[in-house]
Protein backbone atom coordinates (compact mmCIF):
# COMPACT_ATOMS: atom_id res chain seq x y z
CA MET A 1 9.01 4.51 56.49
CA GLY A 2 12.19 6.47 56.87
CA LEU A 3 12.23 10.22 56.74
CA VAL A 4 15.02 12.23 55.17
CA LEU A 5 15.18 15.82 56.41
CA GLY A 6 11.55 15.52 57.54
CA ILE A 7 10.19 14.41 54.16
CA GLY A 8 9.59 10.97 52.71
CA SER A 9 12.30 9.12 50.86
CA GLY A 10 10.33 9.12 47.58
CA LEU A 11 9.93 12.89 47.51
CA PHE A 12 13.59 13.29 48.48
CA ALA A 13 14.56 11.05 45.53
CA LEU A 14 12.41 13.15 43.16
CA ILE A 15 14.01 16.38 44.39
CA ILE A 16 17.52 14.96 43.89
CA LEU A 17 16.52 13.65 40.44
CA TRP A 18 15.26 17.07 39.28
CA ILE A 19 18.28 18.92 40.69
CA VAL A 20 20.67 16.58 38.87
CA GLY A 21 18.54 16.88 35.71
CA LEU A 22 18.64 20.69 35.80
CA ILE A 23 22.40 20.70 36.38
CA LEU A 24 22.89 18.34 33.43
CA CYS A 25 20.67 20.53 31.23
CA VAL A 26 22.76 23.59 32.06
CA VAL A 27 26.01 21.72 31.43
CA PHE A 28 24.77 20.27 28.13
CA SER A 29 23.49 23.64 26.95
CA ARG A 30 26.94 25.20 27.51
CA VAL A 31 28.78 22.54 25.48
CA SER A 32 28.14 23.15 21.79
CA SER A 33 28.51 19.51 20.73
CA LEU A 34 26.00 18.25 23.34
CA ARG A 35 23.13 20.71 22.87
CA ASN A 36 20.72 17.96 21.82
CA GLY A 37 21.43 16.17 25.10
CA VAL A 38 19.19 18.67 26.90
CA VAL A 39 16.13 17.14 25.25
CA GLY A 40 17.28 13.63 26.18
CA VAL A 41 17.88 14.59 29.80
CA GLY A 42 14.48 16.27 29.97
CA ILE A 43 12.69 13.23 28.57
CA LEU A 44 14.64 10.92 30.89
CA VAL A 45 13.86 12.97 34.01
CA ILE A 46 10.17 13.24 33.13
CA GLY A 47 9.99 9.51 32.38
CA VAL A 48 11.63 8.52 35.67
CA THR A 49 9.35 10.92 37.54
CA VAL A 50 6.22 9.39 35.98
CA ILE A 51 7.46 5.88 36.80
CA LEU A 52 8.20 6.84 40.42
CA ILE A 53 4.82 8.51 40.83
CA PHE A 54 2.81 5.58 39.48
CA TYR A 55 4.97 2.85 41.05
CA PRO A 56 3.03 1.15 43.88
CA ARG A 57 4.30 2.32 47.23
CA GLU A 58 2.97 -0.57 49.31
CA SER A 59 2.38 -4.16 48.40
CA ASP A 60 -1.18 -5.42 48.42
CA ASP A 61 -1.38 -8.25 50.91
CA GLY A 62 -4.84 -9.28 49.68
CA SER A 63 -6.39 -9.41 53.14
CA GLY A 64 -9.42 -7.49 51.93
CA LYS A 65 -9.53 -5.19 54.94
CA THR A 66 -10.84 -1.74 54.24
CA SER A 67 -10.39 1.02 56.72
CA LYS A 68 -12.37 4.21 56.77
CA GLN A 69 -10.07 7.12 56.21
CA PRO A 70 -11.09 10.73 55.80
CA VAL A 71 -11.16 11.81 52.17
CA ASP A 72 -10.33 15.31 50.98
CA ASN A 73 -12.94 16.15 48.36
CA LEU A 74 -11.14 19.31 47.26
CA SER A 75 -7.82 17.64 46.45
CA VAL A 76 -8.45 17.67 42.68
CA LEU A 77 -9.35 21.36 42.75
CA ARG A 78 -6.29 22.23 44.85
CA THR A 79 -4.01 20.21 42.61
CA THR A 80 -5.44 21.84 39.47
CA ILE A 81 -4.97 25.34 40.88
CA PHE A 82 -1.42 24.47 41.95
CA VAL A 83 -0.55 23.11 38.49
CA PHE A 84 -1.93 26.21 36.74
CA ALA A 85 -0.02 28.48 39.14
CA CYS A 86 3.23 26.60 38.46
CA LEU A 87 2.66 26.69 34.70
CA PHE A 88 1.95 30.41 34.87
CA ALA A 89 5.15 30.97 36.84
CA VAL A 90 7.25 28.98 34.38
CA VAL A 91 5.75 30.69 31.31
CA SER A 92 6.16 34.14 32.84
CA MET A 93 9.81 33.45 33.75
CA VAL A 94 10.55 32.24 30.22
CA LEU A 95 8.88 35.29 28.71
CA MET A 96 10.80 37.55 31.11
CA LEU A 97 14.02 35.85 30.05
CA VAL A 98 13.30 36.16 26.34
CA PHE A 99 11.84 39.67 26.17
CA HIS A 100 13.60 41.50 28.98
CA TRP A 101 16.88 39.90 30.06
CA MET A 102 18.03 38.88 26.58
CA GLU A 103 17.07 42.16 24.90
CA PRO A 104 20.03 43.48 22.91
CA GLN A 105 21.49 46.81 23.88
CA TYR A 106 22.45 48.81 20.86
CA ALA A 107 25.03 51.57 20.85
CA PRO A 108 23.60 55.03 20.17
CA ALA A 109 24.16 56.36 16.68
CA LEU A 110 26.73 59.05 16.16
CA LEU A 111 25.22 62.36 15.18
CA ALA A 112 28.29 63.90 13.58
CA ARG A 113 31.63 62.63 12.43
CA LYS A 114 34.77 64.49 13.22
CA LYS A 115 37.01 65.15 10.29
CA TYR A 116 40.66 64.82 11.06
CA THR A 117 43.07 66.71 8.88
CA PHE A 118 46.71 65.86 8.97
């Protein structure tokens, strides 16, 4: 198995896929005629990610050999906590964007009008 920058080739492919997907989403959101393309790119990236995750990594040779490997019993718990932490981070960043960074700044009202006489 070849390593790319110290990580596996599958994870490297997923990282490249998501970076390209995010760049395309930003580009499509800036072009007014392609705003619906963001949804298509999102669905495409998620679909390819699911396919790559569930695609078998090694072929089954059918030899029937089973080897005893250590099993991490807390992997489901760790994964669940990680997913909730990522979801919390994404939701909090979206809420920060909507309620803080995109808050309109109104000009202060004038208290008195000057009357000009010519």
